[in-house]
């Protein structure tokens, strides 16, 4: 459930960033060179933010997988021989 929320938020951030870049091009009060520099900087920032969110998502998934493996191993070692749990 939380993973979907993070992915949805990431998509929203990227869409808003793209829309903002388009509006900046249309209504830019400075020269084209300055506008392009600003858009490039904002795009790089968005890329960095997206990478950071992706990395956090992977870390959370990795942590969940480790907890699941630990729980599974613990359950197997605590079960009597021949009566292993299948959960």
PDB file of N, CA and C in Angstrom:
ATOM      1  N   UNK A   1       0.820  -1.182   0.000  1.00  0.00           N
ATOM      2  CA  UNK A   1       0.000   0.000   0.000  1.00  0.00           C
ATOM      3  C   UNK A   1       0.875   1.260   0.000  1.00  0.00           C
ATOM      4  N   UNK A   2       1.903   1.301   0.851  1.00  0.00           N
ATOM      5  CA  UNK A   2       2.771   2.466   0.910  1.00  0.00           C
ATOM      6  C   UNK A   2       3.591   2.611  -0.363  1.00  0.00           C
ATOM      7  N   UNK A   3       3.957   1.495  -0.971  1.00  0.00           N
ATOM      8  CA  UNK A   3       4.743   1.531  -2.205  1.00  0.00           C
ATOM      9  C   UNK A   3       3.948   2.220  -3.299  1.00  0.00           C
ATOM     10  N   UNK A   4       2.677   1.902  -3.405  1.00  0.00           N
ATOM     11  CA  UNK A   4       1.830   2.544  -4.418  1.00  0.00           C
ATOM     12  C   UNK A   4       1.762   4.047  -4.193  1.00  0.00           C
ATOM     13  N   UNK A   5       1.671   4.448  -2.932  1.00  0.00           N
ATOM     14  CA  UNK A   5       1.589   5.873  -2.625  1.00  0.00           C
ATOM     15  C   UNK A   5       2.866   6.591  -3.038  1.00  0.00           C
ATOM     16  N   UNK A   6       4.024   5.981  -2.773  1.00  0.00           N
ATOM     17  CA  UNK A   6       5.303   6.580  -3.151  1.00  0.00           C
ATOM     18  C   UNK A   6       5.406   6.698  -4.665  1.00  0.00           C
ATOM     19  N   UNK A   7       5.028   5.638  -5.374  1.00  0.00           N
ATOM     20  CA  UNK A   7       5.096   5.654  -6.840  1.00  0.00           C
ATOM     21  C   UNK A   7       4.139   6.707  -7.406  1.00  0.00           C
ATOM     22  N   UNK A   8       2.934   6.784  -6.836  1.00  0.00           N
ATOM     23  CA  UNK A   8       1.965   7.787  -7.296  1.00  0.00           C
ATOM     24  C   UNK A   8       2.503   9.191  -7.042  1.00  0.00           C
ATOM     25  N   UNK A   9       3.095   9.419  -5.866  1.00  0.00           N
ATOM     26  CA  UNK A   9       3.650  10.736  -5.557  1.00  0.00           C
ATOM     27  C   UNK A   9       4.806  11.078  -6.486  1.00  0.00           C
ATOM     28  N   UNK A  10       5.635  10.092  -6.795  1.00  0.00           N
ATOM     29  CA  UNK A  10       6.744  10.319  -7.717  1.00  0.00           C
ATOM     30  C   UNK A  10       6.215  10.724  -9.091  1.00  0.00           C
ATOM     31  N   UNK A  11       5.193  10.033  -9.563  1.00  0.00           N
ATOM     32  CA  UNK A  11       4.582  10.388 -10.848  1.00  0.00           C
ATOM     33  C   UNK A  11       4.014  11.794 -10.831  1.00  0.00           C
ATOM     34  N   UNK A  12       3.387  12.157  -9.733  1.00  0.00           N
ATOM     35  CA  UNK A  12       2.823  13.502  -9.600  1.00  0.00           C
ATOM     36  C   UNK A  12       3.924  14.552  -9.633  1.00  0.00           C
ATOM     37  N   UNK A  13       5.008  14.314  -8.908  1.00  0.00           N
ATOM     38  CA  UNK A  13       6.129  15.266  -8.885  1.00  0.00           C
ATOM     39  C   UNK A  13       6.692  15.455 -10.286  1.00  0.00           C
ATOM     40  N   UNK A  14       6.886  14.364 -10.999  1.00  0.00           N
ATOM     41  CA  UNK A  14       7.441  14.461 -12.351  1.00  0.00           C
ATOM     42  C   UNK A  14       6.498  15.185 -13.303  1.00  0.00           C
ATOM     43  N   UNK A  15       5.196  14.907 -13.198  1.00  0.00           N
ATOM     44  CA  UNK A  15       4.217  15.568 -14.069  1.00  0.00           C
ATOM     45  C   UNK A  15       4.148  17.062 -13.779  1.00  0.00           C
ATOM     46  N   UNK A  16       4.134  17.425 -12.516  1.00  0.00           N
ATOM     47  CA  UNK A  16       4.080  18.843 -12.153  1.00  0.00           C
ATOM     48  C   UNK A  16       5.359  19.546 -12.592  1.00  0.00           C
ATOM     49  N   UNK A  17       6.489  18.859 -12.446  1.00  0.00           N
ATOM     50  CA  UNK A  17       7.749  19.451 -12.887  1.00  0.00           C
ATOM     51  C   UNK A  17       7.766  19.707 -14.387  1.00  0.00           C
ATOM     52  N   UNK A  18       7.260  18.751 -15.147  1.00  0.00           N
ATOM     53  CA  UNK A  18       7.211  18.929 -16.602  1.00  0.00           C
ATOM     54  C   UNK A  18       6.270  20.072 -16.983  1.00  0.00           C
ATOM     55  N   UNK A  19       5.126  20.138 -16.321  1.00  0.00           N
ATOM     56  CA  UNK A  19       4.182  21.228 -16.594  1.00  0.00           C
ATOM     57  C   UNK A  19       4.804  22.570 -16.231  1.00  0.00           C
ATOM     58  N   UNK A  20       5.505  22.622 -15.102  1.00  0.00           N
ATOM     59  CA  UNK A  20       6.165  23.860 -14.687  1.00  0.00           C
ATOM     60  C   UNK A  20       7.221  24.303 -15.686  1.00  0.00           C
ATOM     61  N   UNK A  21       7.958  23.344 -16.220  1.00  0.00           N
ATOM     62  CA  UNK A  21       8.974  23.675 -17.216  1.00  0.00           C
ATOM     63  C   UNK A  21       8.328  24.250 -18.475  1.00  0.00           C
ATOM     64  N   UNK A  22       7.207  23.668 -18.874  1.00  0.00           N
ATOM     65  CA  UNK A  22       6.500  24.186 -20.050  1.00  0.00           C
ATOM     66  C   UNK A  22       5.979  25.596 -19.834  1.00  0.00           C
ATOM     67  N   UNK A  23       5.412  25.843 -18.681  1.00  0.00           N
ATOM     68  CA  UNK A  23       4.905  27.188 -18.363  1.00  0.00           C
ATOM     69  C   UNK A  23       6.062  28.176 -18.298  1.00  0.00           C
ATOM     70  N   UNK A  24       7.187  27.751 -17.729  1.00  0.00           N
ATOM     71  CA  UNK A  24       8.350  28.634 -17.649  1.00  0.00           C
ATOM     72  C   UNK A  24       8.821  29.050 -19.039  1.00  0.00           C
ATOM     73  N   UNK A  25       8.756  28.147 -19.987  1.00  0.00           N
ATOM     74  CA  UNK A  25       9.149  28.490 -21.355  1.00  0.00           C
ATOM     75  C   UNK A  25       8.208  29.525 -21.971  1.00  0.00           C
ATOM     76  N   UNK A  26       6.924  29.376 -21.690  1.00  0.00           N
ATOM     77  CA  UNK A  26       5.944  30.284 -22.283  1.00  0.00           C
ATOM     78  C   UNK A  26       5.992  31.681 -21.688  1.00  0.00           C
ATOM     79  N   UNK A  27       6.245  31.776 -20.406  1.00  0.00           N
ATOM     80  CA  UNK A  27       6.150  33.058 -19.722  1.00  0.00           C
ATOM     81  C   UNK A  27       7.487  33.542 -19.156  1.00  0.00           C
ATOM     82  N   UNK A  28       8.570  33.104 -19.723  1.00  0.00           N
ATOM     83  CA  UNK A  28       9.891  33.446 -19.198  1.00  0.00           C
ATOM     84  C   UNK A  28      10.183  34.934 -19.378  1.00  0.00           C
ATOM     85  N   UNK A  29      10.500  35.636 -18.281  1.00  0.00           N
ATOM     86  CA  UNK A  29      10.828  37.059 -18.382  1.00  0.00           C
ATOM     87  C   UNK A  29      12.301  37.299 -18.715  1.00  0.00           C
ATOM     88  N   UNK A  30      13.111  36.258 -18.734  1.00  0.00           N
ATOM     89  CA  UNK A  30      14.529  36.428 -19.027  1.00  0.00           C
ATOM     90  C   UNK A  30      14.860  35.839 -20.393  1.00  0.00           C
ATOM     91  N   UNK A  31      16.125  35.922 -20.735  1.00  0.00           N
ATOM     92  CA  UNK A  31      16.567  35.446 -22.052  1.00  0.00           C
ATOM     93  C   UNK A  31      16.403  33.937 -22.184  1.00  0.00           C
ATOM     94  N   UNK A  32      16.431  33.478 -23.405  1.00  0.00           N
ATOM     95  CA  UNK A  32      16.306  32.050 -23.677  1.00  0.00           C
ATOM     96  C   UNK A  32      17.418  31.238 -23.041  1.00  0.00           C
ATOM     97  N   UNK A  33      18.638  31.778 -23.047  1.00  0.00           N
ATOM     98  CA  UNK A  33      19.769  31.064 -22.457  1.00  0.00           C
ATOM     99  C   UNK A  33      19.561  30.882 -20.955  1.00  0.00           C
ATOM    100  N   UNK A  34      19.115  31.930 -20.260  1.00  0.00           N
ATOM    101  CA  UNK A  34      18.867  31.834 -18.819  1.00  0.00           C
ATOM    102  C   UNK A  34      17.721  30.870 -18.534  1.00  0.00           C
ATOM    103  N   UNK A  35      16.699  30.927 -19.375  1.00  0.00           N
ATOM    104  CA  UNK A  35      15.551  30.040 -19.182  1.00  0.00           C
ATOM    105  C   UNK A  35      15.969  28.591 -19.360  1.00  0.00           C
ATOM    106  N   UNK A  36      16.751  28.306 -20.397  1.00  0.00           N
ATOM    107  CA  UNK A  36      17.213  26.939 -20.615  1.00  0.00           C
ATOM    108  C   UNK A  36      18.085  26.453 -19.459  1.00  0.00           C
ATOM    109  N   UNK A  37      18.929  27.329 -18.950  1.00  0.00           N
ATOM    110  CA  UNK A  37      19.772  26.979 -17.809  1.00  0.00           C
ATOM    111  C   UNK A  37      18.905  26.657 -16.586  1.00  0.00           C
ATOM    112  N   UNK A  38      17.883  27.474 -16.350  1.00  0.00           N
ATOM    113  CA  UNK A  38      16.991  27.262 -15.223  1.00  0.00           C
ATOM    114  C   UNK A  38      16.236  25.933 -15.376  1.00  0.00           C
ATOM    115  N   UNK A  39      15.742  25.665 -16.579  1.00  0.00           N
ATOM    116  CA  UNK A  39      15.004  24.420 -16.817  1.00  0.00           C
ATOM    117  C   UNK A  39      15.926  23.223 -16.645  1.00  0.00           C
ATOM    118  N   UNK A  40      17.155  23.331 -17.141  1.00  0.00           N
ATOM    119  CA  UNK A  40      18.109  22.236 -16.984  1.00  0.00           C
ATOM    120  C   UNK A  40      18.379  21.966 -15.497  1.00  0.00           C
ATOM    121  N   UNK A  41      18.559  23.026 -14.731  1.00  0.00           N
ATOM    122  CA  UNK A  41      18.820  22.881 -13.294  1.00  0.00           C
ATOM    123  C   UNK A  41      17.622  22.238 -12.593  1.00  0.00           C
ATOM    124  N   UNK A  42      16.425  22.712 -12.913  1.00  0.00           N
ATOM    125  CA  UNK A  42      15.216  22.146 -12.296  1.00  0.00           C
ATOM    126  C   UNK A  42      15.034  20.683 -12.692  1.00  0.00           C
ATOM    127  N   UNK A  43      15.329  20.359 -13.941  1.00  0.00           N
ATOM    128  CA  UNK A  43      15.206  18.977 -14.405  1.00  0.00           C
ATOM    129  C   UNK A  43      16.206  18.081 -13.682  1.00  0.00           C
ATOM    130  N   UNK A  44      17.414  18.574 -13.499  1.00  0.00           N
ATOM    131  CA  UNK A  44      18.416  17.809 -12.762  1.00  0.00           C
ATOM    132  C   UNK A  44      17.968  17.593 -11.314  1.00  0.00           C
ATOM    133  N   UNK A  45      17.394  18.647 -10.708  1.00  0.00           N
ATOM    134  CA  UNK A  45      16.884  18.512  -9.342  1.00  0.00           C
ATOM    135  C   UNK A  45      15.769  17.469  -9.269  1.00  0.00           C
ATOM    136  N   UNK A  46      14.865  17.517 -10.243  1.00  0.00           N
ATOM    137  CA  UNK A  46      13.786  16.527 -10.271  1.00  0.00           C
ATOM    138  C   UNK A  46      14.337  15.120 -10.445  1.00  0.00           C
ATOM    139  N   UNK A  47      15.329  14.971 -11.297  1.00  0.00           N
ATOM    140  CA  UNK A  47      15.951  13.670 -11.502  1.00  0.00           C
ATOM    141  C   UNK A  47      16.597  13.167 -10.220  1.00  0.00           C
ATOM    142  N   UNK A  48      17.262  14.066  -9.513  1.00  0.00           N
ATOM    143  CA  UNK A  48      17.885  13.692  -8.247  1.00  0.00           C
ATOM    144  C   UNK A  48      16.819  13.274  -7.232  1.00  0.00           C
ATOM    145  N   UNK A  49      15.736  14.050  -7.143  1.00  0.00           N
ATOM    146  CA  UNK A  49      14.649  13.713  -6.218  1.00  0.00           C
ATOM    147  C   UNK A  49      14.021  12.365  -6.574  1.00  0.00           C
ATOM    148  N   UNK A  50      13.820  12.133  -7.855  1.00  0.00           N
ATOM    149  CA  UNK A  50      13.228  10.865  -8.289  1.00  0.00           C
ATOM    150  C   UNK A  50      14.160   9.707  -7.935  1.00  0.00           C
ATOM    151  N   UNK A  51      15.450   9.885  -8.134  1.00  0.00           N
ATOM    152  CA  UNK A  51      16.419   8.838  -7.800  1.00  0.00           C
ATOM    153  C   UNK A  51      16.417   8.564  -6.296  1.00  0.00           C
ATOM    154  N   UNK A  52      16.336   9.642  -5.501  1.00  0.00           N
ATOM    155  CA  UNK A  52      16.303   9.501  -4.052  1.00  0.00           C
ATOM    156  C   UNK A  52      15.057   8.721  -3.618  1.00  0.00           C
ATOM    157  N   UNK A  53      13.900   9.061  -4.176  1.00  0.00           N
ATOM    158  CA  UNK A  53      12.674   8.335  -3.847  1.00  0.00           C
ATOM    159  C   UNK A  53      12.765   6.871  -4.262  1.00  0.00           C
ATOM    160  N   UNK A  54      13.328   6.617  -5.434  1.00  0.00           N
ATOM    161  CA  UNK A  54      13.503   5.246  -5.914  1.00  0.00           C
ATOM    162  C   UNK A  54      14.408   4.456  -4.966  1.00  0.00           C
ATOM    163  N   UNK A  55      15.521   5.065  -4.566  1.00  0.00           N
ATOM    164  CA  UNK A  55      16.442   4.394  -3.656  1.00  0.00           C
ATOM    165  C   UNK A  55      15.772   4.079  -2.320  1.00  0.00           C
ATOM    166  N   UNK A  56      14.987   5.021  -1.803  1.00  0.00           N
ATOM    167  CA  UNK A  56      14.266   4.781  -0.548  1.00  0.00           C
ATOM    168  C   UNK A  56      13.270   3.647  -0.702  1.00  0.00           C
ATOM    169  N   UNK A  57      12.598   3.597  -1.837  1.00  0.00           N
ATOM    170  CA  UNK A  57      11.639   2.536  -2.100  1.00  0.00           C
ATOM    171  C   UNK A  57      12.338   1.170  -2.129  1.00  0.00           C
ATOM    172  N   UNK A  58      13.486   1.107  -2.782  1.00  0.00           N
ATOM    173  CA  UNK A  58      14.252  -0.135  -2.846  1.00  0.00           C
ATOM    174  C   UNK A  58      14.726  -0.538  -1.453  1.00  0.00           C
ATOM    175  N   UNK A  59      15.194   0.429  -0.661  1.00  0.00           N
ATOM    176  CA  UNK A  59      15.647   0.127   0.701  1.00  0.00           C
ATOM    177  C   UNK A  59      14.509  -0.437   1.544  1.00  0.00           C
ATOM    178  N   UNK A  60      13.334   0.176   1.434  1.00  0.00           N
ATOM    179  CA  UNK A  60      12.186  -0.316   2.206  1.00  0.00           C
ATOM    180  C   UNK A  60      11.805  -1.729   1.767  1.00  0.00           C
ATOM    181  N   UNK A  61      11.825  -1.984   0.483  1.00  0.00           N
ATOM    182  CA  UNK A  61      11.514  -3.320  -0.020  1.00  0.00           C
ATOM    183  C   UNK A  61      12.541  -4.338   0.431  1.00  0.00           C
ATOM    184  N   UNK A  62      13.815  -3.941   0.427  1.00  0.00           N
ATOM    185  CA  UNK A  62      14.879  -4.834   0.866  1.00  0.00           C
ATOM    186  C   UNK A  62      14.729  -5.143   2.353  1.00  0.00           C
ATOM    187  N   UNK A  63      14.395  -4.127   3.147  1.00  0.00           N
ATOM    188  CA  UNK A  63      14.191  -4.343   4.577  1.00  0.00           C
ATOM    189  C   UNK A  63      13.020  -5.272   4.837  1.00  0.00           C
ATOM    190  N   UNK A  64      11.954  -5.104   4.093  1.00  0.00           N
ATOM    191  CA  UNK A  64      10.786  -5.974   4.251  1.00  0.00           C
ATOM    192  C   UNK A  64      11.142  -7.412   3.877  1.00  0.00           C
ATOM    193  N   UNK A  65      11.927  -7.585   2.834  1.00  0.00           N
ATOM    194  CA  UNK A  65      12.334  -8.937   2.414  1.00  0.00           C
ATOM    195  C   UNK A  65      13.216  -9.580   3.486  1.00  0.00           C
ATOM    196  N   UNK A  66      14.119  -8.807   4.078  1.00  0.00           N
ATOM    197  CA  UNK A  66      14.970  -9.350   5.158  1.00  0.00           C
ATOM    198  C   UNK A  66      14.131  -9.765   6.353  1.00  0.00           C
ATOM    199  N   UNK A  67      13.159  -8.936   6.734  1.00  0.00           N
ATOM    200  CA  UNK A  67      12.295  -9.283   7.867  1.00  0.00           C
ATOM    201  C   UNK A  67      11.498 -10.545   7.575  1.00  0.00           C
ATOM    202  N   UNK A  68      11.024 -10.673   6.353  1.00  0.00           N
ATOM    203  CA  UNK A  68      10.259 -11.859   5.970  1.00  0.00           C
ATOM    204  C   UNK A  68      11.136 -13.108   6.036  1.00  0.00           C
ATOM    205  N   UNK A  69      12.356 -13.022   5.503  1.00  0.00           N
ATOM    206  CA  UNK A  69      13.275 -14.167   5.564  1.00  0.00           C
ATOM    207  C   UNK A  69      13.589 -14.535   7.010  1.00  0.00           C
ATOM    208  N   UNK A  70      13.835 -13.534   7.842  1.00  0.00           N
ATOM    209  CA  UNK A  70      14.136 -13.795   9.243  1.00  0.00           C
ATOM    210  C   UNK A  70      12.960 -14.485   9.923  1.00  0.00           C
ATOM    211  N   UNK A  71      11.761 -13.983   9.704  1.00  0.00           N
ATOM    212  CA  UNK A  71      10.567 -14.575  10.305  1.00  0.00           C
ATOM    213  C   UNK A  71      10.392 -16.005   9.824  1.00  0.00           C
ATOM    214  N   UNK A  72      10.589 -16.222   8.550  1.00  0.00           N
ATOM    215  CA  UNK A  72      10.434 -17.566   7.976  1.00  0.00           C
ATOM    216  C   UNK A  72      11.437 -18.526   8.610  1.00  0.00           C
ATOM    217  N   UNK A  73      12.698 -18.114   8.688  1.00  0.00           N
ATOM    218  CA  UNK A  73      13.731 -18.974   9.279  1.00  0.00           C
ATOM    219  C   UNK A  73      13.442 -19.235  10.752  1.00  0.00           C
ATOM    220  N   UNK A  74      13.006 -18.219  11.464  1.00  0.00           N
ATOM    221  CA  UNK A  74      12.690 -18.371  12.881  1.00  0.00           C
ATOM    222  C   UNK A  74      11.555 -19.359  13.066  1.00  0.00           C
ATOM    223  N   UNK A  75      10.542 -19.252  12.237  1.00  0.00           N
ATOM    224  CA  UNK A  75       9.406 -20.168  12.323  1.00  0.00           C
ATOM    225  C   UNK A  75       9.847 -21.603  12.038  1.00  0.00           C
ATOM    226  N   UNK A  76      10.709 -21.776  11.062  1.00  0.00           N
ATOM    227  CA  UNK A  76      11.166 -23.124  10.717  1.00  0.00           C
ATOM    228  C   UNK A  76      12.000 -23.739  11.834  1.00  0.00           C
ATOM    229  N   UNK A  77      12.844 -22.933  12.470  1.00  0.00           N
ATOM    230  CA  UNK A  77      13.703 -23.486  13.520  1.00  0.00           C
ATOM    231  C   UNK A  77      12.941 -23.710  14.819  1.00  0.00           C
ATOM    232  N   UNK A  78      11.841 -23.018  15.021  1.00  0.00           N
ATOM    233  CA  UNK A  78      11.059 -23.186  16.247  1.00  0.00           C
ATOM    234  C   UNK A  78       9.999 -24.272  16.126  1.00  0.00           C
ATOM    235  N   UNK A  79       9.696 -24.717  14.937  1.00  0.00           N
ATOM    236  CA  UNK A  79       8.676 -25.728  14.739  1.00  0.00           C
ATOM    237  C   UNK A  79       9.233 -27.100  15.091  1.00  0.00           C
ATOM    238  N   UNK A  80       8.401 -27.970  15.695  1.00  0.00           N
ATOM    239  CA  UNK A  80       8.862 -29.333  15.962  1.00  0.00           C
ATOM    240  C   UNK A  80       9.147 -30.051  14.638  1.00  0.00           C
ATOM    241  N   UNK A  81      10.066 -30.987  14.664  1.00  0.00           N
ATOM    242  CA  UNK A  81      10.438 -31.747  13.456  1.00  0.00           C
ATOM    243  C   UNK A  81       9.207 -32.468  12.941  1.00  0.00           C
ATOM    244  N   UNK A  82       8.962 -32.327  11.655  1.00  0.00           N
ATOM    245  CA  UNK A  82       7.814 -32.997  11.040  1.00  0.00           C
ATOM    246  C   UNK A  82       6.535 -32.179  11.135  1.00  0.00           C
ATOM    247  N   UNK A  83       6.564 -31.079  11.857  1.00  0.00           N
ATOM    248  CA  UNK A  83       5.385 -30.229  12.007  1.00  0.00           C
ATOM    249  C   UNK A  83       5.704 -28.796  11.632  1.00  0.00           C
ATOM    250  N   UNK A  84       6.242 -28.603  10.495  1.00  0.00           N
ATOM    251  CA  UNK A  84       6.611 -27.262  10.052  1.00  0.00           C
ATOM    252  C   UNK A  84       5.380 -26.457   9.690  1.00  0.00           C
ATOM    253  N   UNK A  85       5.457 -25.175   9.976  1.00  0.00           N
ATOM    254  CA  UNK A  85       4.331 -24.302   9.617  1.00  0.00           C
ATOM    255  C   UNK A  85       4.432 -23.967   8.143  1.00  0.00           C
ATOM    256  N   UNK A  86       3.304 -23.686   7.542  1.00  0.00           N
ATOM    257  CA  UNK A  86       3.275 -23.372   6.102  1.00  0.00           C
ATOM    258  C   UNK A  86       2.787 -21.959   5.861  1.00  0.00           C
ATOM    259  N   UNK A  87       2.886 -21.080   6.825  1.00  0.00           N
ATOM    260  CA  UNK A  87       2.384 -19.715   6.639  1.00  0.00           C
ATOM    261  C   UNK A  87       3.322 -18.834   5.923  1.00  0.00           C
TER     262      UNK A  87
END
